[in-house]
Amino acid sequence: MFTITLVLVFILFYLDSKSSTDLKKNQSVPLPTELNPVVKERSDQLIQQAAKKGIEVVVTDGFRSAADQDQLYKQGRTTGGNIVTNAKGGESYHNFGLAIDFALETPSGDVIWDREYDRNENGVADWTEVVQMAKALGFDWGGDWKGFKDYPHLEMNFGLTIADLQNGERPAGTSLTADSDKE
């Protein structure tokens, strides 16, 4: 009887200490509420570099909340339009402030996603030039993805996967969160 009691106490102690350790490890990390400062800075640099070549880049989307992502995910599935993403809320680098989408602006002010457009008339599609500049600034391009191609998408993942981000990891010293000014 004493042995059974001792085993039960040990099991209860072990489970109790394990759950408190797990709580510390899995504590919720606040989600960012805006673009990562490095992504913002590089986006601005991209716009400036493109402008010097006669290309007007428009950032059409940056940080996106999980709710906004879910609405976008519904497009082409349960709402009208074409499917534009395979990522639900919390599954996109946009949700962590690490991605932007871009388009081009014509002289008349129209925003276009024409990958063949050559506003600066140098024989190279402006889209191609922007992607090359973005890559040189450290962005990865959604047009290089093996499966679903997301041509307007540029991201900086800092070596972190979506799973890493979902588990609370953030790029070192760069994340802006809702709670950052409360500490």
C-alpha atoms as a PDB file:
ATOM      1  CA  MET A   1       0.000   0.000   0.000  1.00  0.00           C
ATOM      2  CA  PHE A   2       2.828   2.356   0.904  1.00  0.00           C
ATOM      3  CA  THR A   3       4.500   1.663  -2.455  1.00  0.00           C
ATOM      4  CA  ILE A   4       1.295   2.460  -4.378  1.00  0.00           C
ATOM      5  CA  THR A   5       0.863   5.703  -2.445  1.00  0.00           C
ATOM      6  CA  LEU A   6       4.470   6.653  -3.097  1.00  0.00           C
ATOM      7  CA  VAL A   7       4.066   5.925  -6.821  1.00  0.00           C
ATOM      8  CA  LEU A   8       0.848   8.002  -6.950  1.00  0.00           C
ATOM      9  CA  VAL A   9       2.519  10.933  -5.179  1.00  0.00           C
ATOM     10  CA  PHE A  10       5.445  10.713  -7.579  1.00  0.00           C
ATOM     11  CA  ILE A  11       3.107  10.633 -10.607  1.00  0.00           C
ATOM     12  CA  LEU A  12       1.085  13.589  -9.347  1.00  0.00           C
ATOM     13  CA  PHE A  13       4.255  15.573  -8.590  1.00  0.00           C
ATOM     14  CA  TYR A  14       5.681  14.734 -12.012  1.00  0.00           C
ATOM     15  CA  LEU A  15       2.473  15.724 -13.840  1.00  0.00           C
ATOM     16  CA  ASP A  16       2.164  18.940 -11.841  1.00  0.00           C
ATOM     17  CA  SER A  17       5.770  20.005 -12.507  1.00  0.00           C
ATOM     18  CA  LYS A  18       5.471  19.039 -16.190  1.00  0.00           C
ATOM     19  CA  SER A  19       2.307  21.089 -16.705  1.00  0.00           C
ATOM     20  CA  SER A  20       3.819  24.201 -15.128  1.00  0.00           C
ATOM     21  CA  THR A  21       6.919  23.816 -17.332  1.00  0.00           C
ATOM     22  CA  ASP A  22       4.710  23.373 -20.387  1.00  0.00           C
ATOM     23  CA  LEU A  23       2.769  26.493 -19.468  1.00  0.00           C
ATOM     24  CA  LYS A  24       5.969  28.528 -19.353  1.00  0.00           C
ATOM     25  CA  LYS A  25       7.151  27.107 -22.672  1.00  0.00           C
ATOM     26  CA  ASN A  26       3.810  27.656 -24.438  1.00  0.00           C
ATOM     27  CA  GLN A  27       2.883  31.059 -23.022  1.00  0.00           C
ATOM     28  CA  SER A  28       1.204  33.178 -25.631  1.00  0.00           C
ATOM     29  CA  VAL A  29       3.468  35.666 -27.387  1.00  0.00           C
ATOM     30  CA  PRO A  30       1.632  38.750 -28.656  1.00  0.00           C
ATOM     31  CA  LEU A  31       1.165  38.936 -32.398  1.00  0.00           C
ATOM     32  CA  PRO A  32       2.673  41.878 -34.260  1.00  0.00           C
ATOM     33  CA  THR A  33       0.286  44.678 -35.172  1.00  0.00           C
ATOM     34  CA  GLU A  34       2.238  46.238 -38.025  1.00  0.00           C
ATOM     35  CA  LEU A  35       5.040  45.595 -40.487  1.00  0.00           C
ATOM     36  CA  ASN A  36       8.344  44.532 -39.037  1.00  0.00           C
ATOM     37  CA  PRO A  37      10.681  47.580 -39.067  1.00  0.00           C
ATOM     38  CA  VAL A  38      13.220  45.877 -41.340  1.00  0.00           C
ATOM     39  CA  VAL A  39      10.493  44.857 -43.810  1.00  0.00           C
ATOM     40  CA  LYS A  40       9.106  48.415 -43.724  1.00  0.00           C
ATOM     41  CA  GLU A  41      12.535  49.952 -44.305  1.00  0.00           C
ATOM     42  CA  ARG A  42      13.335  47.587 -47.196  1.00  0.00           C
ATOM     43  CA  SER A  43       9.880  48.190 -48.720  1.00  0.00           C
ATOM     44  CA  ASP A  44      10.574  51.926 -48.684  1.00  0.00           C
ATOM     45  CA  GLN A  45      13.996  51.312 -50.243  1.00  0.00           C
ATOM     46  CA  LEU A  46      12.367  49.198 -52.960  1.00  0.00           C
ATOM     47  CA  ILE A  47       9.933  51.986 -53.807  1.00  0.00           C
ATOM     48  CA  GLN A  48      12.779  54.530 -53.964  1.00  0.00           C
ATOM     49  CA  GLN A  49      15.046  52.311 -56.086  1.00  0.00           C
ATOM     50  CA  ALA A  50      12.238  51.550 -58.505  1.00  0.00           C
ATOM     51  CA  ALA A  51      11.323  55.238 -58.807  1.00  0.00           C
ATOM     52  CA  LYS A  52      14.925  56.019 -59.818  1.00  0.00           C
ATOM     53  CA  LYS A  53      14.418  53.598 -62.739  1.00  0.00           C
ATOM     54  CA  GLY A  54      11.101  55.199 -63.719  1.00  0.00           C
ATOM     55  CA  ILE A  55       8.953  52.489 -62.110  1.00  0.00           C
ATOM     56  CA  GLU A  56       6.192  53.407 -59.670  1.00  0.00           C
ATOM     57  CA  VAL A  57       5.693  50.635 -57.097  1.00  0.00           C
ATOM     58  CA  VAL A  58       2.625  50.589 -54.867  1.00  0.00           C
ATOM     59  CA  VAL A  59       2.505  48.459 -51.727  1.00  0.00           C
ATOM     60  CA  THR A  60      -1.045  47.142 -51.873  1.00  0.00           C
ATOM     61  CA  ASP A  61      -0.906  45.159 -48.643  1.00  0.00           C
ATOM     62  CA  GLY A  62       1.452  44.781 -45.712  1.00  0.00           C
ATOM     63  CA  PHE A  63       0.554  43.650 -42.228  1.00  0.00           C
ATOM     64  CA  ARG A  64      -2.729  41.730 -42.265  1.00  0.00           C
ATOM     65  CA  SER A  65      -4.662  40.553 -39.217  1.00  0.00           C
ATOM     66  CA  ALA A  66      -5.717  36.914 -38.932  1.00  0.00           C
ATOM     67  CA  ALA A  67      -9.349  38.008 -39.407  1.00  0.00           C
ATOM     68  CA  ASP A  68      -8.446  39.879 -42.603  1.00  0.00           C
ATOM     69  CA  GLN A  69      -6.489  36.829 -43.765  1.00  0.00           C
ATOM     70  CA  ASP A  70      -9.533  34.606 -43.179  1.00  0.00           C
ATOM     71  CA  GLN A  71     -11.669  36.972 -45.272  1.00  0.00           C
ATOM     72  CA  LEU A  72      -9.109  36.853 -48.067  1.00  0.00           C
ATOM     73  CA  TYR A  73      -8.968  33.052 -47.817  1.00  0.00           C
ATOM     74  CA  LYS A  74     -12.751  32.899 -48.410  1.00  0.00           C
ATOM     75  CA  GLN A  75     -12.327  34.698 -51.745  1.00  0.00           C
ATOM     76  CA  GLY A  76     -12.979  32.259 -54.564  1.00  0.00           C
ATOM     77  CA  ARG A  77     -14.177  29.639 -52.098  1.00  0.00           C
ATOM     78  CA  THR A  78     -17.250  30.895 -50.258  1.00  0.00           C
ATOM     79  CA  THR A  79     -17.293  34.434 -51.689  1.00  0.00           C
ATOM     80  CA  GLY A  80     -16.875  35.784 -55.208  1.00  0.00           C
ATOM     81  CA  GLY A  81     -13.610  36.295 -57.044  1.00  0.00           C
ATOM     82  CA  ASN A  82     -10.536  34.241 -57.736  1.00  0.00           C
ATOM     83  CA  ILE A  83      -8.580  32.338 -55.116  1.00  0.00           C
ATOM     84  CA  VAL A  84      -5.677  34.594 -54.143  1.00  0.00           C
ATOM     85  CA  THR A  85      -4.266  32.753 -51.134  1.00  0.00           C
ATOM     86  CA  ASN A  86      -3.981  29.283 -49.685  1.00  0.00           C
ATOM     87  CA  ALA A  87      -3.205  30.641 -46.210  1.00  0.00           C
ATOM     88  CA  LYS A  88      -5.833  30.958 -43.490  1.00  0.00           C
ATOM     89  CA  GLY A  89      -5.507  33.414 -40.614  1.00  0.00           C
ATOM     90  CA  GLY A  90      -2.243  32.840 -38.748  1.00  0.00           C
ATOM     91  CA  GLU A  91      -0.721  30.929 -41.673  1.00  0.00           C
ATOM     92  CA  SER A  92       0.667  33.865 -43.666  1.00  0.00           C
ATOM     93  CA  TYR A  93       3.827  35.894 -43.184  1.00  0.00           C
ATOM     94  CA  HIS A  94       1.533  38.942 -43.590  1.00  0.00           C
ATOM     95  CA  ASN A  95      -0.019  38.017 -40.220  1.00  0.00           C
ATOM     96  CA  PHE A  96       3.395  38.408 -38.588  1.00  0.00           C
ATOM     97  CA  GLY A  97       4.339  41.673 -40.341  1.00  0.00           C
ATOM     98  CA  LEU A  98       6.919  39.972 -42.536  1.00  0.00           C
ATOM     99  CA  ALA A  99       5.350  40.309 -46.006  1.00  0.00           C
ATOM    100  CA  ILE A 100       4.052  42.863 -48.465  1.00  0.00           C
ATOM    101  CA  ASP A 101       2.158  42.675 -51.735  1.00  0.00           C
ATOM    102  CA  PHE A 102       2.941  45.122 -54.506  1.00  0.00           C
ATOM    103  CA  ALA A 103       1.593  46.394 -57.803  1.00  0.00           C
ATOM    104  CA  LEU A 104       2.658  48.963 -60.392  1.00  0.00           C
ATOM    105  CA  GLU A 105       1.181  52.394 -61.002  1.00  0.00           C
ATOM    106  CA  THR A 106       0.677  53.769 -64.498  1.00  0.00           C
ATOM    107  CA  PRO A 107       1.136  57.466 -65.406  1.00  0.00           C
ATOM    108  CA  SER A 108      -2.664  57.839 -65.284  1.00  0.00           C
ATOM    109  CA  GLY A 109      -2.687  56.585 -61.693  1.00  0.00           C
ATOM    110  CA  ASP A 110      -4.107  53.128 -62.391  1.00  0.00           C
ATOM    111  CA  VAL A 111      -2.777  50.351 -60.160  1.00  0.00           C
ATOM    112  CA  ILE A 112      -1.991  47.254 -62.227  1.00  0.00           C
ATOM    113  CA  TRP A 113      -0.618  43.742 -61.784  1.00  0.00           C
ATOM    114  CA  ASP A 114       0.562  43.410 -65.400  1.00  0.00           C
ATOM    115  CA  ARG A 115       3.833  41.468 -65.312  1.00  0.00           C
ATOM    116  CA  GLU A 116       4.656  42.468 -68.914  1.00  0.00           C
ATOM    117  CA  TYR A 117       4.173  46.241 -68.461  1.00  0.00           C
ATOM    118  CA  ASP A 118       7.277  48.320 -69.305  1.00  0.00           C
ATOM    119  CA  ARG A 119       6.584  51.904 -68.221  1.00  0.00           C
ATOM    120  CA  ASN A 120      10.235  52.915 -68.417  1.00  0.00           C
ATOM    121  CA  GLU A 121      10.479  51.382 -71.917  1.00  0.00           C
ATOM    122  CA  ASN A 122      13.879  49.771 -71.370  1.00  0.00           C
ATOM    123  CA  GLY A 123      12.867  46.418 -72.882  1.00  0.00           C
ATOM    124  CA  VAL A 124      12.584  44.682 -69.506  1.00  0.00           C
ATOM    125  CA  ALA A 125       9.219  44.210 -67.816  1.00  0.00           C
ATOM    126  CA  ASP A 126       8.950  46.518 -64.808  1.00  0.00           C
ATOM    127  CA  TRP A 127       7.662  43.597 -62.723  1.00  0.00           C
ATOM    128  CA  THR A 128      10.865  41.671 -63.413  1.00  0.00           C
ATOM    129  CA  GLU A 129      12.981  44.683 -62.489  1.00  0.00           C
ATOM    130  CA  VAL A 130      11.085  45.188 -59.209  1.00  0.00           C
ATOM    131  CA  VAL A 131      11.448  41.520 -58.271  1.00  0.00           C
ATOM    132  CA  GLN A 132      15.206  41.671 -58.954  1.00  0.00           C
ATOM    133  CA  MET A 133      15.535  44.781 -56.767  1.00  0.00           C
ATOM    134  CA  ALA A 134      13.441  43.168 -54.028  1.00  0.00           C
ATOM    135  CA  LYS A 135      15.585  40.046 -54.001  1.00  0.00           C
ATOM    136  CA  ALA A 136      18.731  42.183 -53.766  1.00  0.00           C
ATOM    137  CA  LEU A 137      17.169  43.832 -50.693  1.00  0.00           C
ATOM    138  CA  GLY A 138      16.625  40.424 -49.068  1.00  0.00           C
ATOM    139  CA  PHE A 139      13.033  39.627 -49.999  1.00  0.00           C
ATOM    140  CA  ASP A 140      11.849  36.211 -51.119  1.00  0.00           C
ATOM    141  CA  TRP A 141       9.340  36.312 -53.992  1.00  0.00           C
ATOM    142  CA  GLY A 142       6.071  34.369 -54.132  1.00  0.00           C
ATOM    143  CA  GLY A 143       6.590  33.884 -57.873  1.00  0.00           C
ATOM    144  CA  ASP A 144       9.448  31.489 -57.085  1.00  0.00           C
ATOM    145  CA  TRP A 145       7.229  29.130 -55.097  1.00  0.00           C
ATOM    146  CA  LYS A 146       6.936  25.608 -56.512  1.00  0.00           C
ATOM    147  CA  GLY A 147       3.191  25.258 -55.998  1.00  0.00           C
ATOM    148  CA  PHE A 148       0.796  28.204 -55.806  1.00  0.00           C
ATOM    149  CA  LYS A 149       2.464  31.218 -57.424  1.00  0.00           C
ATOM    150  CA  ASP A 150       1.818  34.518 -55.623  1.00  0.00           C
ATOM    151  CA  TYR A 151       3.393  37.044 -57.988  1.00  0.00           C
ATOM    152  CA  PRO A 152       2.683  40.241 -55.981  1.00  0.00           C
ATOM    153  CA  HIS A 153       4.037  38.695 -52.739  1.00  0.00           C
ATOM    154  CA  LEU A 154       7.387  39.600 -51.170  1.00  0.00           C
ATOM    155  CA  GLU A 155       8.454  38.358 -47.740  1.00  0.00           C
ATOM    156  CA  MET A 156      11.349  38.309 -45.306  1.00  0.00           C
ATOM    157  CA  ASN A 157      11.091  35.297 -43.030  1.00  0.00           C
ATOM    158  CA  PHE A 158      14.395  35.789 -41.141  1.00  0.00           C
ATOM    159  CA  GLY A 159      14.848  31.999 -41.235  1.00  0.00           C
ATOM    160  CA  LEU A 160      11.596  31.411 -39.352  1.00  0.00           C
ATOM    161  CA  THR A 161       8.855  29.100 -40.569  1.00  0.00           C
ATOM    162  CA  ILE A 162       5.161  29.795 -40.059  1.00  0.00           C
ATOM    163  CA  ALA A 163       5.224  27.064 -37.370  1.00  0.00           C
ATOM    164  CA  ASP A 164       8.060  28.906 -35.603  1.00  0.00           C
ATOM    165  CA  LEU A 165       6.058  32.138 -35.676  1.00  0.00           C
ATOM    166  CA  GLN A 166       2.895  30.381 -34.488  1.00  0.00           C
ATOM    167  CA  ASN A 167       4.936  28.983 -31.583  1.00  0.00           C
ATOM    168  CA  GLY A 168       5.929  32.489 -30.507  1.00  0.00           C
ATOM    169  CA  GLU A 169       9.335  32.918 -32.148  1.00  0.00           C
ATOM    170  CA  ARG A 170      10.007  36.356 -33.599  1.00  0.00           C
ATOM    171  CA  PRO A 171      12.909  37.880 -35.525  1.00  0.00           C
ATOM    172  CA  ALA A 172      15.458  39.016 -32.945  1.00  0.00           C
ATOM    173  CA  GLY A 173      14.927  42.571 -31.741  1.00  0.00           C
ATOM    174  CA  THR A 174      12.689  43.649 -34.612  1.00  0.00           C
ATOM    175  CA  SER A 175       9.078  42.724 -33.846  1.00  0.00           C
ATOM    176  CA  LEU A 176       6.443  45.285 -32.993  1.00  0.00           C
ATOM    177  CA  THR A 177       3.608  43.956 -30.904  1.00  0.00           C
ATOM    178  CA  ALA A 178       0.488  45.260 -29.267  1.00  0.00           C
ATOM    179  CA  ASP A 179       2.113  44.803 -25.851  1.00  0.00           C
ATOM    180  CA  SER A 180       5.540  46.249 -26.699  1.00  0.00           C
ATOM    181  CA  ASP A 181       4.850  49.552 -24.956  1.00  0.00           C
ATOM    182  CA  LYS A 182       3.349  47.966 -21.831  1.00  0.00           C
ATOM    183  CA  GLU A 183       6.588  46.447 -20.530  1.00  0.00           C
END
